[in-house]
PDB file of N, CA and C in Angstrom:
ATOM      1  N   GLU A   1      50.472 151.014  77.266  1.00  0.00           N
ATOM      2  CA  GLU A   1      50.799 150.551  75.908  1.00  0.00           C
ATOM      3  C   GLU A   1      52.797 149.551  76.083  1.00  0.00           C
ATOM      4  N   GLY A   2      52.845 149.157  74.714  1.00  0.00           N
ATOM      5  CA  GLY A   2      53.786 148.009  74.523  1.00  0.00           C
ATOM      6  C   GLY A   2      54.106 147.147  73.668  1.00  0.00           C
ATOM      7  N   MET A   3      54.645 146.277  73.663  1.00  0.00           N
ATOM      8  CA  MET A   3      54.577 145.508  72.131  1.00  0.00           C
ATOM      9  C   MET A   3      55.881 144.753  73.189  1.00  0.00           C
ATOM     10  N   LEU A   4      55.157 143.703  72.097  1.00  0.00           N
ATOM     11  CA  LEU A   4      55.353 141.878  72.264  1.00  0.00           C
ATOM     12  C   LEU A   4      55.856 142.080  71.400  1.00  0.00           C
ATOM     13  N   LEU A   5      57.224 140.813  72.013  1.00  0.00           N
ATOM     14  CA  LEU A   5      58.456 140.349  69.844  1.00  0.00           C
ATOM     15  C   LEU A   5      57.989 138.697  70.559  1.00  0.00           C
ATOM     16  N   ALA A   6      57.510 138.347  69.156  1.00  0.00           N
ATOM     17  CA  ALA A   6      57.741 137.007  69.316  1.00  0.00           C
ATOM     18  C   ALA A   6      57.724 136.451  68.120  1.00  0.00           C
ATOM     19  N   ALA A   7      57.825 134.952  68.160  1.00  0.00           N
ATOM     20  CA  ALA A   7      58.583 134.083  67.319  1.00  0.00           C
ATOM     21  C   ALA A   7      57.819 132.726  66.375  1.00  0.00           C
ATOM     22  N   VAL A   8      57.202 132.803  65.569  1.00  0.00           N
ATOM     23  CA  VAL A   8      56.455 131.641  64.831  1.00  0.00           C
ATOM     24  C   VAL A   8      56.847 130.719  64.080  1.00  0.00           C
ATOM     25  N   ASP A   9      56.871 129.267  63.576  1.00  0.00           N
ATOM     26  CA  ASP A   9      57.132 128.358  64.157  1.00  0.00           C
ATOM     27  C   ASP A   9      56.737 127.577  63.318  1.00  0.00           C
ATOM     28  N   GLY A  10      56.278 127.269  62.525  1.00  0.00           N
ATOM     29  CA  GLY A  10      54.491 125.891  62.594  1.00  0.00           C
ATOM     30  C   GLY A  10      53.839 126.873  63.811  1.00  0.00           C
ATOM     31  N   ASP A  11      53.376 125.345  64.222  1.00  0.00           N
ATOM     32  CA  ASP A  11      53.083 125.445  65.376  1.00  0.00           C
ATOM     33  C   ASP A  11      53.154 126.112  66.544  1.00  0.00           C
ATOM     34  N   VAL A  12      54.482 126.545  66.495  1.00  0.00           N
ATOM     35  CA  VAL A  12      55.184 127.072  68.017  1.00  0.00           C
ATOM     36  C   VAL A  12      55.048 127.878  68.387  1.00  0.00           C
ATOM     37  N   VAL A  13      54.880 128.554  69.107  1.00  0.00           N
ATOM     38  CA  VAL A  13      54.707 130.608  68.835  1.00  0.00           C
ATOM     39  C   VAL A  13      55.437 131.123  70.278  1.00  0.00           C
ATOM     40  N   SER A  14      56.118 131.132  70.408  1.00  0.00           N
ATOM     41  CA  SER A  14      56.909 131.844  71.226  1.00  0.00           C
ATOM     42  C   SER A  14      58.012 133.514  71.474  1.00  0.00           C
ATOM     43  N   VAL A  15      57.402 133.738  72.984  1.00  0.00           N
ATOM     44  CA  VAL A  15      57.215 135.023  73.166  1.00  0.00           C
ATOM     45  C   VAL A  15      59.154 135.644  73.678  1.00  0.00           C
ATOM     46  N   LEU A  16      59.501 136.269  72.847  1.00  0.00           N
ATOM     47  CA  LEU A  16      60.647 137.083  73.149  1.00  0.00           C
ATOM     48  C   LEU A  16      61.343 138.165  74.648  1.00  0.00           C
ATOM     49  N   THR A  17      61.509 138.128  75.407  1.00  0.00           N
ATOM     50  CA  THR A  17      61.738 139.140  77.382  1.00  0.00           C
ATOM     51  C   THR A  17      63.148 139.853  77.183  1.00  0.00           C
ATOM     52  N   PRO A  18      63.143 141.053  77.473  1.00  0.00           N
ATOM     53  CA  PRO A  18      64.092 141.120  77.592  1.00  0.00           C
ATOM     54  C   PRO A  18      65.289 140.319  78.621  1.00  0.00           C
ATOM     55  N   ASP A  19      67.190 141.105  78.639  1.00  0.00           N
ATOM     56  CA  ASP A  19      66.923 139.341  80.282  1.00  0.00           C
ATOM     57  C   ASP A  19      67.274 140.816  80.744  1.00  0.00           C
ATOM     58  N   LYS A  20      67.275 142.117  81.014  1.00  0.00           N
ATOM     59  CA  LYS A  20      67.562 143.078  81.778  1.00  0.00           C
ATOM     60  C   LYS A  20      66.026 144.387  81.191  1.00  0.00           C
ATOM     61  N   ASN A  21      65.921 144.840  82.997  1.00  0.00           N
ATOM     62  CA  ASN A  21      65.376 146.084  82.302  1.00  0.00           C
ATOM     63  C   ASN A  21      65.950 147.515  82.157  1.00  0.00           C
ATOM     64  N   ILE A  22      64.943 147.280  80.516  1.00  0.00           N
ATOM     65  CA  ILE A  22      65.052 148.075  79.943  1.00  0.00           C
ATOM     66  C   ILE A  22      64.655 149.682  80.166  1.00  0.00           C
ATOM     67  N   PRO A  23      64.791 151.258  79.367  1.00  0.00           N
ATOM     68  CA  PRO A  23      63.617 152.619  79.638  1.00  0.00           C
ATOM     69  C   PRO A  23      62.077 151.763  78.522  1.00  0.00           C
ATOM     70  N   PRO A  24      61.464 152.613  78.543  1.00  0.00           N
ATOM     71  CA  PRO A  24      61.122 152.947  77.899  1.00  0.00           C
ATOM     72  C   PRO A  24      61.147 153.306  76.498  1.00  0.00           C
ATOM     73  N   GLY A  25      61.282 153.383  75.708  1.00  0.00           N
ATOM     74  CA  GLY A  25      61.749 153.976  74.004  1.00  0.00           C
ATOM     75  C   GLY A  25      62.703 153.699  73.768  1.00  0.00           C
ATOM     76  N   ALA A  26      63.988 152.880  74.663  1.00  0.00           N
ATOM     77  CA  ALA A  26      65.301 152.063  73.970  1.00  0.00           C
ATOM     78  C   ALA A  26      65.010 151.334  73.117  1.00  0.00           C
ATOM     79  N   LYS A  27      66.209 152.155  71.780  1.00  0.00           N
ATOM     80  CA  LYS A  27      66.194 151.448  70.988  1.00  0.00           C
ATOM     81  C   LYS A  27      66.071 149.906  70.955  1.00  0.00           C
ATOM     82  N   ILE A  28      66.018 149.086  69.613  1.00  0.00           N
ATOM     83  CA  ILE A  28      66.354 147.445  69.430  1.00  0.00           C
ATOM     84  C   ILE A  28      67.220 147.659  68.029  1.00  0.00           C
ATOM     85  N   GLU A  29      67.878 147.043  67.786  1.00  0.00           N
ATOM     86  CA  GLU A  29      69.715 146.963  67.207  1.00  0.00           C
ATOM     87  C   GLU A  29      69.201 144.866  67.116  1.00  0.00           C
TER      88      GLU A  29
END
């Protein structure tokens, strides 16, 4: 299981990735 975070602007899609390893279930703020 997992989750992808992405932003869309018109025809441009950007997938957001963390810059560090974080544990599963960490809270996103």
